[in-house]
N, C-alpha and C. Protein backbone atom coordinates (compact mmCIF):
# COMPACT_ATOMS: atom_id res chain seq x y z
N MET A 1 -3.76 18.83 -8.82
CA MET A 1 -4.72 17.97 -8.15
C MET A 1 -5.33 17.01 -9.15
N PRO A 2 -5.49 15.76 -8.77
CA PRO A 2 -5.99 14.76 -9.71
C PRO A 2 -7.45 14.97 -10.11
N GLY A 3 -8.32 15.27 -9.16
CA GLY A 3 -9.73 15.40 -9.47
C GLY A 3 -10.14 16.85 -9.58
N THR A 4 -11.42 17.05 -9.83
CA THR A 4 -11.93 18.42 -9.94
C THR A 4 -12.93 18.71 -8.83
N ARG A 5 -12.91 17.92 -7.77
CA ARG A 5 -13.85 18.13 -6.69
C ARG A 5 -13.39 19.29 -5.82
N LYS A 6 -14.29 20.21 -5.55
CA LYS A 6 -13.93 21.38 -4.75
C LYS A 6 -14.18 21.15 -3.26
N LEU A 7 -14.99 20.18 -2.92
CA LEU A 7 -15.26 19.80 -1.54
C LEU A 7 -15.79 20.96 -0.69
N GLY A 8 -16.39 21.95 -1.33
CA GLY A 8 -17.01 23.05 -0.61
C GLY A 8 -16.03 23.97 0.09
N ARG A 9 -14.80 24.03 -0.41
CA ARG A 9 -13.77 24.85 0.23
C ARG A 9 -13.01 25.67 -0.80
N LYS A 10 -12.41 26.74 -0.35
CA LYS A 10 -11.52 27.51 -1.22
C LYS A 10 -10.26 26.70 -1.47
N THR A 11 -9.51 27.07 -2.49
CA THR A 11 -8.35 26.29 -2.91
C THR A 11 -7.34 26.07 -1.79
N ALA A 12 -6.96 27.10 -1.08
CA ALA A 12 -5.95 26.98 -0.03
C ALA A 12 -6.43 26.06 1.09
N HIS A 13 -7.69 26.21 1.49
CA HIS A 13 -8.24 25.37 2.55
C HIS A 13 -8.32 23.92 2.08
N ARG A 14 -8.75 23.71 0.86
CA ARG A 14 -8.87 22.36 0.30
C ARG A 14 -7.51 21.67 0.24
N MET A 15 -6.49 22.37 -0.27
CA MET A 15 -5.16 21.78 -0.37
C MET A 15 -4.58 21.47 1.01
N SER A 16 -4.81 22.35 1.96
CA SER A 16 -4.35 22.13 3.32
C SER A 16 -5.01 20.88 3.91
N MET A 17 -6.31 20.74 3.69
CA MET A 17 -7.03 19.58 4.19
C MET A 17 -6.52 18.29 3.54
N LEU A 18 -6.31 18.31 2.23
CA LEU A 18 -5.84 17.12 1.52
C LEU A 18 -4.43 16.74 1.96
N LYS A 19 -3.56 17.73 2.14
CA LYS A 19 -2.20 17.45 2.62
C LYS A 19 -2.24 16.80 4.00
N GLY A 20 -3.08 17.33 4.87
CA GLY A 20 -3.21 16.77 6.21
C GLY A 20 -3.74 15.35 6.19
N MET A 21 -4.71 15.09 5.32
CA MET A 21 -5.30 13.75 5.27
C MET A 21 -4.33 12.74 4.65
N VAL A 22 -3.57 13.14 3.65
CA VAL A 22 -2.56 12.25 3.06
C VAL A 22 -1.49 11.94 4.11
N THR A 23 -1.08 12.95 4.86
CA THR A 23 -0.10 12.74 5.93
C THR A 23 -0.62 11.75 6.95
N LEU A 24 -1.88 11.91 7.35
CA LEU A 24 -2.49 11.01 8.33
C LEU A 24 -2.60 9.59 7.77
N LEU A 25 -2.96 9.45 6.51
CA LEU A 25 -3.06 8.13 5.89
C LEU A 25 -1.71 7.42 5.90
N LEU A 26 -0.65 8.13 5.53
CA LEU A 26 0.68 7.52 5.50
C LEU A 26 1.19 7.23 6.91
N GLU A 27 0.76 8.02 7.88
CA GLU A 27 1.19 7.83 9.26
C GLU A 27 0.48 6.64 9.90
N LYS A 28 -0.84 6.58 9.75
CA LYS A 28 -1.65 5.56 10.42
C LYS A 28 -1.90 4.31 9.58
N GLY A 29 -1.86 4.45 8.25
CA GLY A 29 -2.13 3.31 7.38
C GLY A 29 -3.57 3.24 6.92
N LYS A 30 -4.48 3.90 7.63
CA LYS A 30 -5.88 3.93 7.21
C LYS A 30 -6.57 5.12 7.83
N ILE A 31 -7.60 5.63 7.13
CA ILE A 31 -8.42 6.72 7.67
C ILE A 31 -9.86 6.49 7.25
N GLU A 32 -10.76 6.97 8.10
CA GLU A 32 -12.19 6.90 7.80
C GLU A 32 -12.65 8.32 7.48
N THR A 33 -13.23 8.49 6.30
CA THR A 33 -13.65 9.81 5.85
C THR A 33 -14.82 9.64 4.90
N THR A 34 -15.29 10.74 4.31
CA THR A 34 -16.38 10.62 3.34
C THR A 34 -15.83 10.02 2.04
N LEU A 35 -16.70 9.42 1.28
CA LEU A 35 -16.30 8.76 0.04
C LEU A 35 -15.68 9.76 -0.94
N THR A 36 -16.24 10.94 -1.04
CA THR A 36 -15.73 11.95 -1.96
C THR A 36 -14.31 12.35 -1.59
N ARG A 37 -14.07 12.57 -0.31
CA ARG A 37 -12.71 12.92 0.13
C ARG A 37 -11.75 11.76 -0.11
N ALA A 38 -12.20 10.54 0.16
CA ALA A 38 -11.34 9.37 -0.04
C ALA A 38 -10.92 9.25 -1.50
N LYS A 39 -11.87 9.49 -2.41
CA LYS A 39 -11.56 9.41 -3.84
C LYS A 39 -10.59 10.51 -4.26
N GLU A 40 -10.59 11.60 -3.55
CA GLU A 40 -9.68 12.71 -3.86
C GLU A 40 -8.30 12.47 -3.24
N ILE A 41 -8.25 11.82 -2.09
CA ILE A 41 -6.99 11.59 -1.38
C ILE A 41 -6.19 10.43 -1.99
N ALA A 42 -6.87 9.39 -2.45
CA ALA A 42 -6.18 8.18 -2.92
C ALA A 42 -5.12 8.45 -3.98
N PRO A 43 -5.41 9.19 -5.05
CA PRO A 43 -4.36 9.43 -6.05
C PRO A 43 -3.19 10.25 -5.52
N LEU A 44 -3.47 11.16 -4.59
CA LEU A 44 -2.39 11.95 -4.00
C LEU A 44 -1.46 11.07 -3.16
N ALA A 45 -2.05 10.15 -2.40
CA ALA A 45 -1.24 9.23 -1.59
C ALA A 45 -0.42 8.32 -2.49
N GLU A 46 -1.02 7.85 -3.58
CA GLU A 46 -0.28 6.99 -4.51
C GLU A 46 0.89 7.74 -5.13
N LYS A 47 0.69 9.01 -5.42
CA LYS A 47 1.77 9.82 -5.98
C LYS A 47 2.92 9.95 -4.98
N MET A 48 2.60 10.12 -3.70
CA MET A 48 3.63 10.23 -2.67
C MET A 48 4.41 8.91 -2.54
N ILE A 49 3.71 7.78 -2.61
CA ILE A 49 4.39 6.48 -2.52
C ILE A 49 5.29 6.27 -3.72
N THR A 50 4.84 6.70 -4.90
CA THR A 50 5.68 6.60 -6.10
C THR A 50 6.93 7.47 -5.94
N LEU A 51 6.80 8.65 -5.35
CA LEU A 51 7.97 9.48 -5.06
C LEU A 51 8.91 8.76 -4.10
N GLY A 52 8.34 8.08 -3.12
CA GLY A 52 9.14 7.34 -2.16
C GLY A 52 9.91 6.20 -2.80
N LYS A 53 9.32 5.59 -3.82
CA LYS A 53 10.00 4.50 -4.52
C LYS A 53 11.20 4.99 -5.32
N LYS A 54 11.15 6.24 -5.80
CA LYS A 54 12.28 6.80 -6.56
C LYS A 54 13.48 7.02 -5.65
N ASN A 55 13.24 7.47 -4.42
CA ASN A 55 14.26 7.63 -3.40
C ASN A 55 15.44 8.50 -3.86
N THR A 56 15.14 9.64 -4.44
CA THR A 56 16.17 10.60 -4.81
C THR A 56 16.00 11.85 -3.94
N LEU A 57 16.99 12.70 -3.97
CA LEU A 57 16.91 13.94 -3.20
C LEU A 57 15.75 14.80 -3.68
N ALA A 58 15.57 14.86 -4.99
CA ALA A 58 14.48 15.66 -5.56
C ALA A 58 13.12 15.11 -5.14
N SER A 59 12.96 13.78 -5.14
CA SER A 59 11.68 13.19 -4.75
C SER A 59 11.44 13.39 -3.25
N ARG A 60 12.50 13.33 -2.45
CA ARG A 60 12.36 13.57 -1.02
C ARG A 60 11.91 15.01 -0.75
N ARG A 61 12.46 15.95 -1.50
CA ARG A 61 12.07 17.35 -1.34
C ARG A 61 10.64 17.60 -1.80
N ALA A 62 10.24 16.92 -2.87
CA ALA A 62 8.86 17.06 -3.35
C ALA A 62 7.88 16.49 -2.32
N ALA A 63 8.26 15.38 -1.69
CA ALA A 63 7.41 14.79 -0.65
C ALA A 63 7.34 15.71 0.57
N MET A 64 8.47 16.32 0.93
CA MET A 64 8.49 17.25 2.06
C MET A 64 7.61 18.47 1.80
N ALA A 65 7.49 18.86 0.55
CA ALA A 65 6.66 20.01 0.20
C ALA A 65 5.18 19.69 0.36
N PHE A 66 4.81 18.41 0.28
CA PHE A 66 3.41 18.03 0.35
C PHE A 66 3.03 17.46 1.71
N ILE A 67 3.86 16.57 2.25
CA ILE A 67 3.57 15.93 3.54
C ILE A 67 3.97 16.89 4.65
N THR A 68 3.11 17.00 5.67
CA THR A 68 3.29 18.04 6.68
C THR A 68 4.21 17.65 7.83
N LYS A 69 4.59 16.38 7.97
CA LYS A 69 5.44 15.96 9.09
C LYS A 69 6.70 15.27 8.56
N GLU A 70 7.85 15.68 9.10
CA GLU A 70 9.12 15.10 8.67
C GLU A 70 9.22 13.62 8.97
N GLU A 71 8.71 13.20 10.13
CA GLU A 71 8.81 11.78 10.50
C GLU A 71 7.97 10.90 9.57
N VAL A 72 6.90 11.45 9.03
CA VAL A 72 6.07 10.69 8.08
C VAL A 72 6.81 10.55 6.75
N VAL A 73 7.55 11.58 6.35
CA VAL A 73 8.37 11.48 5.13
C VAL A 73 9.43 10.41 5.31
N ALA A 74 10.07 10.38 6.48
CA ALA A 74 11.08 9.35 6.76
C ALA A 74 10.45 7.96 6.71
N LYS A 75 9.25 7.83 7.29
CA LYS A 75 8.55 6.54 7.27
C LYS A 75 8.19 6.14 5.84
N LEU A 76 7.78 7.12 5.04
CA LEU A 76 7.43 6.86 3.64
C LEU A 76 8.62 6.29 2.89
N PHE A 77 9.77 6.92 3.02
CA PHE A 77 10.95 6.51 2.25
C PHE A 77 11.61 5.25 2.81
N ASN A 78 11.53 5.03 4.13
CA ASN A 78 12.24 3.90 4.75
C ASN A 78 11.39 2.65 4.91
N GLU A 79 10.07 2.80 5.11
CA GLU A 79 9.22 1.64 5.40
C GLU A 79 8.16 1.39 4.33
N ILE A 80 7.40 2.42 3.99
CA ILE A 80 6.24 2.23 3.12
C ILE A 80 6.65 1.95 1.68
N ALA A 81 7.47 2.81 1.09
CA ALA A 81 7.85 2.67 -0.32
C ALA A 81 8.57 1.35 -0.62
N PRO A 82 9.53 0.90 0.21
CA PRO A 82 10.17 -0.39 -0.10
C PRO A 82 9.20 -1.57 -0.10
N LYS A 83 8.12 -1.45 0.68
CA LYS A 83 7.11 -2.52 0.73
C LYS A 83 6.42 -2.69 -0.63
N TYR A 84 6.33 -1.60 -1.40
CA TYR A 84 5.65 -1.62 -2.69
C TYR A 84 6.62 -1.59 -3.86
N SER A 85 7.87 -1.99 -3.65
CA SER A 85 8.88 -1.90 -4.71
C SER A 85 8.53 -2.76 -5.93
N GLU A 86 7.85 -3.87 -5.73
CA GLU A 86 7.49 -4.76 -6.84
C GLU A 86 6.14 -4.41 -7.46
N ARG A 87 5.43 -3.46 -6.89
CA ARG A 87 4.06 -3.15 -7.32
C ARG A 87 4.04 -1.83 -8.09
N ASN A 88 3.35 -1.81 -9.21
CA ASN A 88 3.23 -0.60 -10.02
C ASN A 88 1.85 0.01 -9.85
N GLY A 89 1.67 0.82 -8.83
CA GLY A 89 0.39 1.48 -8.60
C GLY A 89 -0.57 0.62 -7.81
N GLY A 90 -1.71 1.19 -7.48
CA GLY A 90 -2.72 0.46 -6.72
C GLY A 90 -2.32 0.26 -5.27
N TYR A 91 -1.76 1.30 -4.65
CA TYR A 91 -1.27 1.18 -3.28
C TYR A 91 -2.36 1.42 -2.25
N THR A 92 -3.52 1.93 -2.67
CA THR A 92 -4.59 2.24 -1.73
C THR A 92 -5.86 1.47 -2.10
N GLN A 93 -6.71 1.29 -1.09
CA GLN A 93 -8.01 0.64 -1.29
C GLN A 93 -9.07 1.49 -0.61
N ILE A 94 -10.23 1.56 -1.24
CA ILE A 94 -11.36 2.29 -0.66
C ILE A 94 -12.48 1.30 -0.40
N TYR A 95 -12.93 1.24 0.86
CA TYR A 95 -14.05 0.39 1.25
C TYR A 95 -15.21 1.29 1.64
N LYS A 96 -16.38 1.06 1.07
CA LYS A 96 -17.56 1.83 1.44
C LYS A 96 -18.10 1.30 2.76
N LEU A 97 -18.43 2.21 3.67
CA LEU A 97 -18.87 1.83 5.01
C LEU A 97 -20.35 2.08 5.27
N GLY A 98 -21.02 2.76 4.39
CA GLY A 98 -22.42 3.09 4.64
C GLY A 98 -22.57 4.59 4.82
N PHE A 99 -23.66 4.98 5.45
CA PHE A 99 -23.97 6.40 5.58
C PHE A 99 -23.79 6.87 7.02
N ARG A 100 -23.30 8.09 7.17
CA ARG A 100 -23.05 8.68 8.48
C ARG A 100 -24.37 9.15 9.08
N ARG A 101 -24.54 8.90 10.38
CA ARG A 101 -25.71 9.42 11.09
C ARG A 101 -25.61 10.92 11.17
N GLY A 102 -26.70 11.57 11.03
CA GLY A 102 -26.70 13.03 11.17
C GLY A 102 -26.89 13.71 9.84
N ASP A 103 -25.95 13.49 8.90
CA ASP A 103 -26.09 14.15 7.60
C ASP A 103 -26.16 13.16 6.44
N ALA A 104 -26.11 11.87 6.73
CA ALA A 104 -26.24 10.81 5.73
C ALA A 104 -25.17 10.89 4.64
N ALA A 105 -23.98 11.40 4.99
CA ALA A 105 -22.88 11.42 4.03
C ALA A 105 -22.34 10.00 3.88
N GLU A 106 -22.02 9.62 2.65
CA GLU A 106 -21.51 8.27 2.43
C GLU A 106 -20.07 8.19 2.94
N MET A 107 -19.82 7.26 3.86
CA MET A 107 -18.51 7.13 4.49
C MET A 107 -17.71 6.03 3.80
N ALA A 108 -16.39 6.14 3.93
CA ALA A 108 -15.49 5.16 3.33
C ALA A 108 -14.26 5.01 4.20
N LEU A 109 -13.65 3.83 4.11
CA LEU A 109 -12.37 3.56 4.76
C LEU A 109 -11.32 3.54 3.67
N LEU A 110 -10.34 4.40 3.79
CA LEU A 110 -9.23 4.45 2.84
C LEU A 110 -8.03 3.88 3.55
N ARG A 111 -7.43 2.83 2.97
CA ARG A 111 -6.27 2.24 3.62
C ARG A 111 -5.22 1.86 2.60
N LEU A 112 -4.00 1.73 3.08
CA LEU A 112 -2.91 1.30 2.21
C LEU A 112 -3.07 -0.18 1.93
N PHE A 113 -2.81 -0.57 0.70
CA PHE A 113 -2.97 -1.96 0.29
C PHE A 113 -1.92 -2.81 0.97
N GLU A 114 -2.34 -3.95 1.50
CA GLU A 114 -1.41 -4.89 2.11
C GLU A 114 -1.47 -6.19 1.33
N GLU A 115 -0.29 -6.67 0.94
CA GLU A 115 -0.21 -7.93 0.19
C GLU A 115 -0.66 -9.06 1.10
N PRO A 116 -1.50 -9.97 0.60
CA PRO A 116 -1.83 -11.13 1.41
C PRO A 116 -0.59 -12.01 1.57
N VAL A 117 -0.48 -12.65 2.72
CA VAL A 117 0.68 -13.51 2.96
C VAL A 117 0.57 -14.71 2.03
N LYS A 118 1.60 -14.90 1.21
CA LYS A 118 1.57 -15.99 0.24
C LYS A 118 2.03 -17.28 0.90
N GLU A 119 1.23 -18.32 0.75
CA GLU A 119 1.63 -19.62 1.25
C GLU A 119 2.62 -20.23 0.28
N GLU A 120 3.39 -21.19 0.77
CA GLU A 120 4.33 -21.86 -0.12
C GLU A 120 3.53 -22.56 -1.21
N GLU A 121 4.12 -22.59 -2.40
CA GLU A 121 3.42 -23.22 -3.51
C GLU A 121 3.19 -24.69 -3.20
N LYS A 122 1.96 -25.10 -3.39
CA LYS A 122 1.62 -26.49 -3.11
C LYS A 122 2.02 -27.35 -4.30
N THR A 123 2.70 -28.43 -4.01
CA THR A 123 3.09 -29.36 -5.07
C THR A 123 2.13 -30.54 -5.06
N SER A 124 2.04 -31.20 -6.18
CA SER A 124 1.14 -32.34 -6.26
C SER A 124 1.69 -33.49 -5.43
N LYS A 125 0.83 -34.43 -5.09
CA LYS A 125 1.25 -35.58 -4.29
C LYS A 125 2.29 -36.40 -5.02
N LYS A 126 2.13 -36.52 -6.34
CA LYS A 126 3.08 -37.31 -7.13
C LYS A 126 4.47 -36.68 -7.09
N ALA A 127 4.53 -35.37 -7.25
CA ALA A 127 5.82 -34.69 -7.25
C ALA A 127 6.50 -34.81 -5.89
N THR A 128 5.70 -34.74 -4.82
CA THR A 128 6.25 -34.87 -3.48
C THR A 128 6.77 -36.29 -3.26
N LYS A 129 6.00 -37.27 -3.72
CA LYS A 129 6.39 -38.67 -3.55
C LYS A 129 7.68 -38.96 -4.31
N LYS A 130 7.79 -38.47 -5.55
CA LYS A 130 8.98 -38.69 -6.35
C LYS A 130 10.19 -38.05 -5.70
N ALA A 131 10.01 -36.87 -5.14
CA ALA A 131 11.11 -36.17 -4.49
C ALA A 131 11.60 -36.93 -3.26
N GLU A 132 10.67 -37.59 -2.55
CA GLU A 132 11.04 -38.37 -1.38
C GLU A 132 11.70 -39.68 -1.77
N GLU A 133 11.22 -40.30 -2.86
CA GLU A 133 11.75 -41.60 -3.28
C GLU A 133 13.14 -41.48 -3.91
N ALA A 134 13.43 -40.40 -4.59
CA ALA A 134 14.71 -40.23 -5.29
C ALA A 134 15.90 -40.34 -4.34
N PRO A 135 15.95 -39.64 -3.21
CA PRO A 135 17.10 -39.78 -2.32
C PRO A 135 17.19 -41.19 -1.72
N ALA A 136 16.05 -41.80 -1.46
CA ALA A 136 16.05 -43.15 -0.90
C ALA A 136 16.60 -44.14 -1.91
N ALA A 137 16.24 -43.99 -3.18
CA ALA A 137 16.73 -44.88 -4.23
C ALA A 137 18.24 -44.71 -4.41
N GLU A 138 18.72 -43.49 -4.36
CA GLU A 138 20.16 -43.24 -4.49
C GLU A 138 20.92 -43.85 -3.32
N ALA A 139 20.36 -43.78 -2.13
CA ALA A 139 21.00 -44.35 -0.95
C ALA A 139 21.09 -45.87 -1.09
N GLU A 140 20.05 -46.51 -1.63
CA GLU A 140 20.06 -47.96 -1.84
C GLU A 140 21.12 -48.36 -2.86
N LYS A 141 21.24 -47.60 -3.95
CA LYS A 141 22.24 -47.87 -4.98
C LYS A 141 23.64 -47.74 -4.40
N ALA A 142 23.86 -46.74 -3.56
CA ALA A 142 25.17 -46.54 -2.95
C ALA A 142 25.50 -47.69 -2.00
N ALA A 143 24.49 -48.18 -1.28
CA ALA A 143 24.69 -49.30 -0.35
C ALA A 143 24.99 -50.58 -1.13
N ASP A 144 24.31 -50.79 -2.27
CA ASP A 144 24.54 -51.97 -3.09
C ASP A 144 25.93 -51.94 -3.72
N ALA A 145 26.41 -50.77 -4.07
CA ALA A 145 27.71 -50.63 -4.72
C ALA A 145 28.84 -50.95 -3.75
N GLU A 146 28.62 -50.78 -2.48
CA GLU A 146 29.68 -51.03 -1.50
C GLU A 146 29.76 -52.43 -1.17
């Protein structure tokens, strides 16, 4: 386990809860939980995505040992991991949401990182103008040569 937080549970109960929450995160893409749990789940989820990027039989078996649903393991290896093939870590984000009514526990949203859609690189007006003029100039030269 990455952290040393006991979360008020015995080891078996804690590991079962963390496995379930990592499975839910990979299945749904985001979960709302307490900040302490989110900080404990994030490194475990990142480790599973890294296993998915390796895409070997051994990594698939290691993921099956941790993730509780077979269809989530398939989704991890076929959809989630290829999305992060160019990224080295930082697959999750934690957003603080404020305090929960009732017990005032600090809540957080843990979600898988999504790359912002990149717009095409903007070129300067001069470069665009030159690119447009070049074919026109070549066409004029070809017409003059005939």
